[in-house]
Protein backbone atom coordinates (compact mmCIF):
# COMPACT_ATOMS: atom_id res chain seq x y z
CA MET A 1 0.00 0.00 0.00
CA SER A 2 1.23 3.50 -0.83
CA GLU A 3 2.20 5.73 2.06
CA LEU A 4 -0.48 7.96 3.57
CA VAL A 5 0.73 11.56 3.82
CA LEU A 6 -1.38 14.00 5.82
CA TYR A 7 -0.66 17.68 5.24
CA ILE A 8 -1.69 19.90 8.13
CA ALA A 9 -1.17 23.43 9.46
CA ASN A 10 -0.26 24.76 12.92
CA LYS A 11 -1.26 22.37 15.68
CA ASN A 12 -2.10 25.24 18.00
CA TYR A 13 -4.75 26.68 15.71
CA SER A 14 -5.74 24.31 12.90
CA SER A 15 -8.92 22.67 14.13
CA TRP A 16 -9.65 21.01 10.78
CA SER A 17 -6.14 19.50 10.72
CA PHE A 18 -6.62 18.23 14.27
CA ARG A 19 -9.67 16.14 13.36
CA PRO A 20 -8.17 13.61 10.90
CA TRP A 21 -4.83 13.64 12.71
CA ILE A 22 -6.30 12.57 16.05
CA ALA A 23 -8.64 10.07 14.36
CA LEU A 24 -5.81 8.30 12.54
CA THR A 25 -3.41 8.52 15.47
CA ALA A 26 -5.91 7.18 17.99
CA ALA A 27 -6.74 4.29 15.64
CA GLY A 28 -3.06 3.39 15.21
CA ILE A 29 -3.12 3.96 11.47
CA PRO A 30 0.35 4.66 10.03
CA PHE A 31 0.78 7.94 8.17
CA ARG A 32 3.39 10.60 7.58
CA GLU A 33 2.62 14.09 8.84
CA VAL A 34 3.76 17.18 6.95
CA LEU A 35 3.14 20.47 8.76
CA ILE A 36 3.09 23.70 6.76
CA PRO A 37 2.51 26.74 9.01
CA PHE A 38 -0.03 29.42 8.32
CA GLY A 39 1.21 32.65 6.80
CA PRO A 40 -0.53 36.05 6.65
CA GLY A 41 -4.29 35.71 6.57
CA ALA A 42 -4.09 32.23 8.14
CA THR A 43 -3.17 30.65 4.81
CA ASN A 44 -0.07 29.68 2.86
CA PRO A 45 0.65 29.63 -0.92
CA GLN A 46 2.00 26.08 -0.52
CA PHE A 47 -1.49 24.87 0.34
CA ARG A 48 -2.60 25.65 -3.21
CA GLU A 49 0.17 23.43 -4.57
CA LEU A 50 -1.15 20.51 -2.52
CA SER A 51 -4.90 20.94 -2.53
CA PRO A 52 -7.50 22.07 -5.06
CA THR A 53 -9.15 24.14 -2.34
CA GLY A 54 -5.94 25.86 -1.29
CA LYS A 55 -6.54 24.61 2.24
CA VAL A 56 -5.39 21.89 4.60
CA PRO A 57 -5.79 19.21 5.76
CA ILE A 58 -5.36 17.11 2.68
CA LEU A 59 -4.37 13.46 2.45
CA HIS A 60 -2.15 12.19 -0.35
CA HIS A 61 -2.23 8.44 -0.99
CA GLY A 62 -0.18 7.75 -4.06
CA ALA A 63 -1.98 9.54 -6.87
CA VAL A 64 -5.13 9.94 -4.77
CA LYS A 65 -5.83 13.26 -3.03
CA VAL A 66 -8.57 13.55 -0.42
CA TRP A 67 -9.46 16.87 1.17
CA GLU A 68 -11.89 17.92 3.92
CA SER A 69 -11.48 16.38 7.36
CA LEU A 70 -14.47 14.06 7.36
CA ALA A 71 -13.78 12.83 3.82
CA ILE A 72 -10.23 11.97 4.88
CA ILE A 73 -11.52 9.99 7.84
CA GLU A 74 -14.05 8.16 5.66
CA TYR A 75 -11.42 7.33 3.06
CA VAL A 76 -9.03 5.91 5.64
CA ALA A 77 -11.86 3.98 7.32
CA GLU A 78 -12.40 2.18 4.01
CA LEU A 79 -8.68 1.36 3.79
CA PHE A 80 -8.60 0.09 7.38
CA PRO A 81 -12.07 -1.34 8.10
CA ASP A 82 -10.92 -3.05 11.30
CA ALA A 83 -9.32 0.05 12.84
CA GLY A 84 -12.47 1.14 14.68
CA LEU A 85 -12.78 4.58 13.15
CA TRP A 86 -16.57 4.13 13.22
CA PRO A 87 -18.68 2.13 15.71
CA GLU A 88 -19.35 -1.49 14.76
CA ASN A 89 -23.05 -1.22 15.61
CA SER A 90 -24.85 -0.01 12.49
CA THR A 91 -27.31 2.18 14.40
CA TRP A 92 -24.53 3.81 16.37
CA ARG A 93 -22.51 4.20 13.18
CA SER A 94 -25.35 6.10 11.52
CA MET A 95 -25.63 8.35 14.57
CA ALA A 96 -21.88 8.92 14.65
CA ARG A 97 -21.93 9.99 11.01
CA SER A 98 -24.95 12.23 11.62
CA ILE A 99 -23.37 14.17 14.48
CA SER A 100 -20.07 14.33 12.58
CA MET A 101 -21.88 15.93 9.65
CA GLU A 102 -23.62 18.30 12.06
CA MET A 103 -20.22 19.35 13.35
CA LEU A 104 -18.89 19.72 9.82
CA SER A 105 -21.70 21.96 8.63
CA GLY A 106 -22.88 23.72 11.79
CA PHE A 107 -21.94 25.62 14.91
CA ARG A 108 -20.58 28.54 12.91
CA ALA A 109 -21.17 31.08 15.67
CA LEU A 110 -19.03 29.10 18.11
CA ARG A 111 -16.30 28.43 15.56
CA SER A 112 -16.14 32.08 14.51
CA ALA A 113 -16.16 33.63 17.99
CA CYS A 114 -13.90 31.08 19.69
CA PRO A 115 -11.06 29.87 17.45
CA MET A 116 -9.15 26.79 18.58
CA ASN A 117 -6.06 27.90 20.49
CA LEU A 118 -4.37 25.39 22.78
CA ARG A 119 -1.94 27.98 24.17
CA ARG A 120 -4.67 30.42 25.15
CA PRO A 121 -4.96 31.18 28.90
CA VAL A 122 -8.42 30.26 30.14
CA ARG A 123 -10.65 33.31 30.21
CA PRO A 124 -14.14 34.17 28.98
CA ILE A 125 -15.01 36.63 26.23
CA ASP A 126 -18.15 38.57 25.38
CA LEU A 127 -20.12 36.09 23.30
CA PRO A 128 -22.03 37.20 20.21
CA ASP A 129 -25.53 35.93 19.45
CA GLY A 130 -25.64 32.32 18.42
CA VAL A 131 -22.79 30.97 20.52
CA LYS A 132 -24.84 29.86 23.52
CA PRO A 133 -27.32 27.84 21.42
CA ASP A 134 -24.35 26.16 19.70
CA VAL A 135 -22.86 25.27 23.08
CA GLN A 136 -26.18 23.93 24.36
CA ARG A 137 -26.70 21.75 21.29
CA ILE A 138 -23.20 20.28 21.49
CA GLU A 139 -23.62 19.54 25.20
CA ALA A 140 -26.90 17.77 24.41
CA ILE A 141 -25.19 15.66 21.73
CA TRP A 142 -22.39 14.66 24.06
CA ARG A 143 -24.78 13.87 26.92
CA ASP A 144 -27.19 11.83 24.78
CA MET A 145 -24.49 9.78 23.06
CA ARG A 146 -22.63 9.01 26.28
CA GLN A 147 -25.83 8.06 28.11
CA MET A 148 -26.66 5.69 25.28
CA SER A 149 -23.18 4.14 25.01
CA GLY A 150 -22.06 4.30 28.63
CA GLY A 151 -18.99 6.40 27.69
CA PRO A 152 -16.32 7.41 28.35
CA PHE A 153 -16.37 8.61 24.72
CA LEU A 154 -19.40 9.34 22.58
CA PHE A 155 -19.86 5.74 21.42
CA GLY A 156 -17.94 3.97 24.15
CA ALA A 157 -14.50 3.70 22.56
CA PHE A 158 -12.86 6.69 20.86
CA CYS A 159 -14.00 6.97 17.24
CA ALA A 160 -14.27 9.42 14.35
CA ALA A 161 -17.15 11.29 15.98
CA ASP A 162 -14.94 12.14 18.95
CA ALA A 163 -12.27 13.31 16.53
CA MET A 164 -14.73 15.62 14.81
CA PHE A 165 -15.61 17.26 18.13
CA ALA A 166 -12.04 17.34 19.51
CA PRO A 167 -11.43 21.05 18.75
CA VAL A 168 -14.66 21.93 20.56
CA VAL A 169 -13.18 20.47 23.74
CA ASN A 170 -10.44 23.09 23.54
CA ARG A 171 -12.92 25.85 22.73
CA PHE A 172 -15.13 25.00 25.70
CA ALA A 173 -12.09 24.97 28.00
CA ALA A 174 -10.15 27.95 26.67
CA TYR A 175 -13.13 30.30 26.65
CA ASP A 176 -14.61 28.97 29.92
CA LEU A 177 -17.94 28.14 28.27
CA VAL A 178 -19.31 25.19 30.25
CA ARG A 179 -20.05 24.08 33.81
CA ASP A 180 -22.09 20.87 33.39
CA ALA A 181 -20.46 17.92 35.15
CA ASP A 182 -21.17 15.46 32.33
CA THR A 183 -19.67 17.83 29.76
CA LEU A 184 -16.56 18.32 31.89
CA GLU A 185 -16.23 14.55 32.37
CA TYR A 186 -16.23 13.99 28.62
CA MET A 187 -13.72 16.80 28.12
CA ALA A 188 -11.43 15.25 30.73
CA ALA A 189 -11.60 11.87 28.96
CA MET A 190 -10.70 13.52 25.66
CA LYS A 191 -7.79 15.46 27.12
CA ALA A 192 -6.44 12.33 28.80
CA HIS A 193 -6.28 10.40 25.51
CA PRO A 194 -2.65 9.83 24.42
CA ALA A 195 -3.38 11.13 20.91
CA TRP A 196 -4.78 14.38 22.32
CA GLN A 197 -1.77 14.78 24.61
CA ALA A 198 0.69 14.21 21.75
CA TRP A 199 -1.00 16.87 19.61
CA GLU A 200 -1.26 19.31 22.52
CA ALA A 201 2.42 18.92 23.47
CA ALA A 202 3.45 19.74 19.90
CA ALA A 203 1.03 22.69 19.79
CA LEU A 204 2.40 24.17 23.00
CA ALA A 205 5.94 23.92 21.62
CA GLU A 206 5.08 25.97 18.52
CA THR A 207 6.22 29.59 18.39
CA TRP A 208 4.11 30.82 15.44
CA ILE A 209 1.46 33.45 16.15
CA VAL A 210 -1.64 33.80 13.97
CA PRO A 211 -3.28 37.12 14.95
CA GLU A 212 -6.61 36.14 13.36
CA ASP A 213 -6.96 33.26 15.79
CA GLU A 214 -5.97 35.13 18.94
CA ALA A 215 -9.50 35.94 20.15
């Protein structure tokens, strides 16, 4: 099999890079990481050379190029069907894909107001309209899935759905957005995962500053 090469941006800021990276890492899937830091405007001309969208993440697998975080996860899940990227139970799998799509397409107010930033000191900000409903919906998703599965992750074991919500864990923590005990328990489980800790350690060691993401 050709080598999987995952192109990502800054680990401190790039929430969309974080998603496939933590999914593949947690599942033990071998890949080579290539990090290209953001330049002015939180982009980089090199991205255009790698991806038709001019953005990362993008996965190269021989001549195949797959962009968008969830598409990357789906592609790799087909290559490694026994890796546990999605729940084995078909009903749970459909739910995991549904909430992953909801994360992909929604929660724009939260994402805009509270960029992922693992180095950010914990402190609240004035929240624009739309953020609190986003937070409430995400908390409901996490609570419902964990009550159904028994936890500690959304569908018991860590899977792609957890990866899709991983940057939200940082957002909730860094901007001091939540108090619910069940939410905090899930966040603690995520932050204790070895894949999370590996990404976070690398993010904290970075020296690049992206002003656009310093809310």
